[in-house]
Amino acid sequence: MTAVDRTALTEHLARRLRADGALHPVAGAVAIAARGSRRLAIADFAANLDLPVEQVTAAEAGQTKFAAIPAPVGAIAASTGIDLLSLADLERRWRAAGESAAAN
């Protein structure tokens, strides 16, 4: 069995969310990956973490800043082997590129 690079998969998902216009695609991808690792419906995932469904839905839609991802969601993502530091850097680079493009 081949090892799965969960960080690369999450980055790929972030690229898709970015292409779809998500404000915070990396955070959205991390939230989706965390829930996917538990194989739960969104309502069950939110209930297990004692979070409002709307908060999880917003995070998965890329409406939540990376730094504001609910702590339990980030902890689950990190526990799967996703490199959150690497993804935070990707978020920062995309933000910088977007800001410089908007200034031109």
N, C-alpha and C. Protein backbone atom coordinates (compact mmCIF):
# COMPACT_ATOMS: atom_id res chain seq x y z
N MET A 1 0.84 -1.18 0.00
CA MET A 1 0.00 0.00 0.00
C MET A 1 0.89 1.25 0.00
N THR A 2 0.53 2.21 -0.81
CA THR A 2 1.29 3.44 -0.93
C THR A 2 0.85 4.45 0.12
N ALA A 3 1.81 5.12 0.73
CA ALA A 3 1.50 6.16 1.71
C ALA A 3 0.86 7.35 0.98
N VAL A 4 -0.08 7.97 1.64
CA VAL A 4 -0.78 9.12 1.08
C VAL A 4 -0.18 10.39 1.70
N ASP A 5 0.16 11.34 0.85
CA ASP A 5 0.66 12.63 1.32
C ASP A 5 -0.55 13.53 1.56
N ARG A 6 -1.02 13.53 2.79
CA ARG A 6 -2.23 14.26 3.13
C ARG A 6 -2.07 15.78 2.95
N THR A 7 -0.86 16.27 3.14
CA THR A 7 -0.62 17.70 2.94
C THR A 7 -0.80 18.05 1.46
N ALA A 8 -0.25 17.23 0.58
CA ALA A 8 -0.38 17.47 -0.86
C ALA A 8 -1.84 17.38 -1.29
N LEU A 9 -2.57 16.41 -0.75
CA LEU A 9 -3.99 16.30 -1.08
C LEU A 9 -4.77 17.53 -0.61
N THR A 10 -4.44 18.00 0.58
CA THR A 10 -5.11 19.18 1.12
C THR A 10 -4.77 20.41 0.28
N GLU A 11 -3.52 20.51 -0.14
CA GLU A 11 -3.12 21.63 -1.00
C GLU A 11 -3.87 21.58 -2.33
N HIS A 12 -4.02 20.39 -2.88
CA HIS A 12 -4.77 20.23 -4.14
C HIS A 12 -6.22 20.70 -3.95
N LEU A 13 -6.82 20.30 -2.86
CA LEU A 13 -8.18 20.74 -2.56
C LEU A 13 -8.24 22.26 -2.40
N ALA A 14 -7.24 22.83 -1.75
CA ALA A 14 -7.17 24.28 -1.57
C ALA A 14 -7.10 24.99 -2.92
N ARG A 15 -6.36 24.42 -3.86
CA ARG A 15 -6.27 25.01 -5.19
C ARG A 15 -7.64 25.02 -5.88
N ARG A 16 -8.39 23.96 -5.68
CA ARG A 16 -9.74 23.90 -6.27
C ARG A 16 -10.65 24.93 -5.63
N LEU A 17 -10.58 25.05 -4.29
CA LEU A 17 -11.40 26.05 -3.61
C LEU A 17 -11.01 27.46 -4.04
N ARG A 18 -9.73 27.67 -4.23
CA ARG A 18 -9.24 28.99 -4.68
C ARG A 18 -9.79 29.30 -6.07
N ALA A 19 -9.74 28.31 -6.95
CA ALA A 19 -10.26 28.50 -8.31
C ALA A 19 -11.77 28.78 -8.29
N ASP A 20 -12.44 28.26 -7.28
CA ASP A 20 -13.88 28.49 -7.14
C ASP A 20 -14.19 29.82 -6.45
N GLY A 21 -13.14 30.55 -6.04
CA GLY A 21 -13.33 31.88 -5.46
C GLY A 21 -13.46 31.94 -3.95
N ALA A 22 -13.10 30.87 -3.25
CA ALA A 22 -13.17 30.90 -1.78
C ALA A 22 -12.22 31.97 -1.24
N LEU A 23 -12.67 32.69 -0.22
CA LEU A 23 -11.84 33.74 0.39
C LEU A 23 -10.63 33.16 1.12
N HIS A 24 -10.81 32.02 1.75
CA HIS A 24 -9.75 31.38 2.54
C HIS A 24 -9.68 29.90 2.15
N PRO A 25 -9.16 29.64 0.94
CA PRO A 25 -9.20 28.27 0.42
C PRO A 25 -8.37 27.26 1.21
N VAL A 26 -7.26 27.69 1.77
CA VAL A 26 -6.43 26.74 2.52
C VAL A 26 -7.16 26.33 3.80
N ALA A 27 -7.74 27.28 4.48
CA ALA A 27 -8.49 26.96 5.70
C ALA A 27 -9.66 26.05 5.36
N GLY A 28 -10.33 26.32 4.26
CA GLY A 28 -11.43 25.47 3.84
C GLY A 28 -10.99 24.05 3.59
N ALA A 29 -9.86 23.91 2.91
CA ALA A 29 -9.34 22.58 2.61
C ALA A 29 -8.95 21.83 3.87
N VAL A 30 -8.36 22.53 4.83
CA VAL A 30 -7.99 21.89 6.10
C VAL A 30 -9.24 21.39 6.82
N ALA A 31 -10.28 22.22 6.83
CA ALA A 31 -11.52 21.83 7.50
C ALA A 31 -12.15 20.61 6.82
N ILE A 32 -12.16 20.61 5.51
CA ILE A 32 -12.72 19.48 4.76
C ILE A 32 -11.90 18.22 5.03
N ALA A 33 -10.58 18.34 5.02
CA ALA A 33 -9.71 17.19 5.26
C ALA A 33 -9.91 16.63 6.66
N ALA A 34 -10.07 17.51 7.63
CA ALA A 34 -10.28 17.05 9.01
C ALA A 34 -11.56 16.24 9.11
N ARG A 35 -12.64 16.76 8.54
CA ARG A 35 -13.92 16.03 8.60
C ARG A 35 -13.83 14.74 7.79
N GLY A 36 -13.18 14.82 6.63
CA GLY A 36 -13.02 13.62 5.80
C GLY A 36 -12.27 12.51 6.51
N SER A 37 -11.30 12.89 7.34
CA SER A 37 -10.53 11.87 8.06
C SER A 37 -11.40 11.12 9.07
N ARG A 38 -12.47 11.75 9.51
CA ARG A 38 -13.39 11.12 10.46
C ARG A 38 -14.55 10.42 9.76
N ARG A 39 -14.69 10.67 8.47
CA ARG A 39 -15.75 10.06 7.66
C ARG A 39 -17.13 10.30 8.26
N LEU A 40 -17.39 11.56 8.58
CA LEU A 40 -18.66 11.93 9.19
C LEU A 40 -19.39 12.96 8.34
N ALA A 41 -20.69 12.93 8.41
CA ALA A 41 -21.50 13.99 7.81
C ALA A 41 -21.22 15.27 8.59
N ILE A 42 -21.47 16.38 7.97
CA ILE A 42 -21.13 17.66 8.59
C ILE A 42 -21.82 17.86 9.94
N ALA A 43 -23.09 17.49 10.03
CA ALA A 43 -23.82 17.66 11.30
C ALA A 43 -23.23 16.78 12.40
N ASP A 44 -22.87 15.56 12.05
CA ASP A 44 -22.28 14.65 13.05
C ASP A 44 -20.90 15.12 13.48
N PHE A 45 -20.11 15.59 12.52
CA PHE A 45 -18.78 16.11 12.83
C PHE A 45 -18.88 17.30 13.78
N ALA A 46 -19.76 18.23 13.44
CA ALA A 46 -19.94 19.41 14.29
C ALA A 46 -20.41 19.01 15.69
N ALA A 47 -21.35 18.10 15.76
CA ALA A 47 -21.86 17.66 17.05
C ALA A 47 -20.77 16.99 17.88
N ASN A 48 -19.94 16.16 17.24
CA ASN A 48 -18.85 15.49 17.96
C ASN A 48 -17.85 16.48 18.54
N LEU A 49 -17.70 17.63 17.89
CA LEU A 49 -16.75 18.64 18.35
C LEU A 49 -17.43 19.74 19.17
N ASP A 50 -18.72 19.62 19.35
CA ASP A 50 -19.51 20.62 20.08
C ASP A 50 -19.37 22.00 19.43
N LEU A 51 -19.46 22.00 18.09
CA LEU A 51 -19.40 23.24 17.32
C LEU A 51 -20.72 23.43 16.58
N PRO A 52 -21.12 24.65 16.35
CA PRO A 52 -22.30 24.87 15.53
C PRO A 52 -22.06 24.40 14.09
N VAL A 53 -23.06 23.78 13.50
CA VAL A 53 -22.94 23.31 12.12
C VAL A 53 -22.55 24.46 11.21
N GLU A 54 -23.11 25.64 11.46
CA GLU A 54 -22.82 26.81 10.62
C GLU A 54 -21.34 27.18 10.66
N GLN A 55 -20.69 26.98 11.79
CA GLN A 55 -19.26 27.30 11.91
C GLN A 55 -18.44 26.33 11.06
N VAL A 56 -18.78 25.07 11.10
CA VAL A 56 -18.06 24.08 10.30
C VAL A 56 -18.34 24.29 8.82
N THR A 57 -19.58 24.57 8.48
CA THR A 57 -19.94 24.83 7.09
C THR A 57 -19.18 26.03 6.53
N ALA A 58 -19.10 27.10 7.31
CA ALA A 58 -18.37 28.29 6.88
C ALA A 58 -16.88 27.99 6.70
N ALA A 59 -16.32 27.23 7.63
CA ALA A 59 -14.90 26.88 7.52
C ALA A 59 -14.65 26.07 6.25
N GLU A 60 -15.50 25.08 5.99
CA GLU A 60 -15.31 24.24 4.80
C GLU A 60 -15.52 25.01 3.51
N ALA A 61 -16.32 26.05 3.56
CA ALA A 61 -16.57 26.87 2.36
C ALA A 61 -15.46 27.89 2.12
N GLY A 62 -14.47 27.92 3.02
CA GLY A 62 -13.38 28.88 2.86
C GLY A 62 -13.75 30.28 3.29
N GLN A 63 -14.70 30.39 4.22
CA GLN A 63 -15.13 31.69 4.72
C GLN A 63 -14.47 32.05 6.05
N THR A 64 -13.64 31.15 6.56
CA THR A 64 -12.98 31.35 7.85
C THR A 64 -11.49 31.51 7.62
N LYS A 65 -10.89 32.52 8.22
CA LYS A 65 -9.45 32.71 8.10
C LYS A 65 -8.70 31.51 8.67
N PHE A 66 -7.52 31.26 8.13
CA PHE A 66 -6.72 30.12 8.58
C PHE A 66 -6.51 30.15 10.09
N ALA A 67 -6.18 31.31 10.62
CA ALA A 67 -5.91 31.45 12.06
C ALA A 67 -7.17 31.26 12.91
N ALA A 68 -8.34 31.30 12.27
CA ALA A 68 -9.60 31.17 13.02
C ALA A 68 -10.25 29.81 12.86
N ILE A 69 -9.53 28.87 12.24
CA ILE A 69 -10.07 27.51 12.17
C ILE A 69 -10.31 27.03 13.60
N PRO A 70 -11.49 26.47 13.90
CA PRO A 70 -11.73 25.98 15.26
C PRO A 70 -10.61 25.03 15.71
N ALA A 71 -10.12 25.23 16.91
CA ALA A 71 -8.99 24.46 17.43
C ALA A 71 -9.17 22.94 17.28
N PRO A 72 -10.34 22.39 17.59
CA PRO A 72 -10.47 20.93 17.44
C PRO A 72 -10.33 20.47 15.99
N VAL A 73 -10.76 21.31 15.06
CA VAL A 73 -10.64 20.96 13.63
C VAL A 73 -9.16 20.95 13.24
N GLY A 74 -8.43 21.96 13.65
CA GLY A 74 -7.00 22.01 13.37
C GLY A 74 -6.26 20.85 14.01
N ALA A 75 -6.65 20.49 15.22
CA ALA A 75 -6.00 19.37 15.92
C ALA A 75 -6.24 18.06 15.19
N ILE A 76 -7.45 17.87 14.70
CA ILE A 76 -7.74 16.64 13.94
C ILE A 76 -6.91 16.61 12.67
N ALA A 77 -6.87 17.73 11.96
CA ALA A 77 -6.08 17.79 10.72
C ALA A 77 -4.61 17.47 11.01
N ALA A 78 -4.07 18.08 12.05
CA ALA A 78 -2.67 17.83 12.39
C ALA A 78 -2.44 16.37 12.78
N SER A 79 -3.40 15.77 13.44
CA SER A 79 -3.24 14.38 13.89
C SER A 79 -3.21 13.40 12.72
N THR A 80 -3.69 13.82 11.56
CA THR A 80 -3.68 12.94 10.39
C THR A 80 -2.37 13.01 9.64
N GLY A 81 -1.51 13.94 10.05
CA GLY A 81 -0.22 14.10 9.37
C GLY A 81 -0.18 15.28 8.43
N ILE A 82 -1.25 16.04 8.36
CA ILE A 82 -1.26 17.25 7.53
C ILE A 82 -0.31 18.27 8.16
N ASP A 83 0.57 18.84 7.34
CA ASP A 83 1.54 19.82 7.81
C ASP A 83 0.90 21.21 7.80
N LEU A 84 0.35 21.60 8.94
CA LEU A 84 -0.36 22.88 9.03
C LEU A 84 0.57 24.07 8.82
N LEU A 85 1.82 23.96 9.24
CA LEU A 85 2.76 25.05 9.04
C LEU A 85 3.00 25.30 7.55
N SER A 86 3.17 24.23 6.82
CA SER A 86 3.36 24.35 5.37
C SER A 86 2.14 24.98 4.71
N LEU A 87 0.96 24.57 5.15
CA LEU A 87 -0.27 25.11 4.58
C LEU A 87 -0.49 26.56 4.99
N ALA A 88 -0.11 26.91 6.20
CA ALA A 88 -0.21 28.31 6.63
C ALA A 88 0.69 29.18 5.76
N ASP A 89 1.86 28.66 5.40
CA ASP A 89 2.76 29.40 4.52
C ASP A 89 2.15 29.56 3.13
N LEU A 90 1.50 28.52 2.64
CA LEU A 90 0.82 28.61 1.35
C LEU A 90 -0.26 29.69 1.39
N GLU A 91 -1.04 29.70 2.46
CA GLU A 91 -2.08 30.73 2.64
C GLU A 91 -1.45 32.13 2.61
N ARG A 92 -0.34 32.29 3.32
CA ARG A 92 0.34 33.59 3.37
C ARG A 92 0.82 34.00 1.98
N ARG A 93 1.41 33.06 1.25
CA ARG A 93 1.90 33.37 -0.10
C ARG A 93 0.77 33.76 -1.04
N TRP A 94 -0.34 33.03 -0.96
CA TRP A 94 -1.48 33.36 -1.82
C TRP A 94 -2.05 34.72 -1.46
N ARG A 95 -2.11 35.02 -0.17
CA ARG A 95 -2.60 36.34 0.28
C ARG A 95 -1.71 37.44 -0.27
N ALA A 96 -0.40 37.26 -0.14
CA ALA A 96 0.54 38.27 -0.63
C ALA A 96 0.41 38.45 -2.13
N ALA A 97 0.27 37.36 -2.86
CA ALA A 97 0.13 37.44 -4.31
C ALA A 97 -1.18 38.13 -4.69
N GLY A 98 -2.24 37.86 -3.95
CA GLY A 98 -3.52 38.51 -4.21
C GLY A 98 -3.49 40.00 -3.92
N GLU A 99 -2.82 40.36 -2.84
CA GLU A 99 -2.71 41.78 -2.48
C GLU A 99 -1.88 42.54 -3.49
N SER A 100 -0.79 41.93 -3.97
CA SER A 100 0.04 42.64 -4.95
C SER A 100 -0.68 42.73 -6.28
N ALA A 101 -1.47 41.73 -6.63
CA ALA A 101 -2.23 41.78 -7.88
C ALA A 101 -3.31 42.86 -7.80
N ALA A 102 -3.94 43.00 -6.61
CA ALA A 102 -4.98 44.01 -6.44
C ALA A 102 -4.39 45.42 -6.47
N ALA A 103 -3.14 45.58 -6.08
CA ALA A 103 -2.49 46.90 -6.05
C ALA A 103 -2.13 47.37 -7.46
N ASN A 104 -2.00 46.43 -8.40
CA ASN A 104 -1.60 46.79 -9.78
C ASN A 104 -2.76 47.16 -10.65
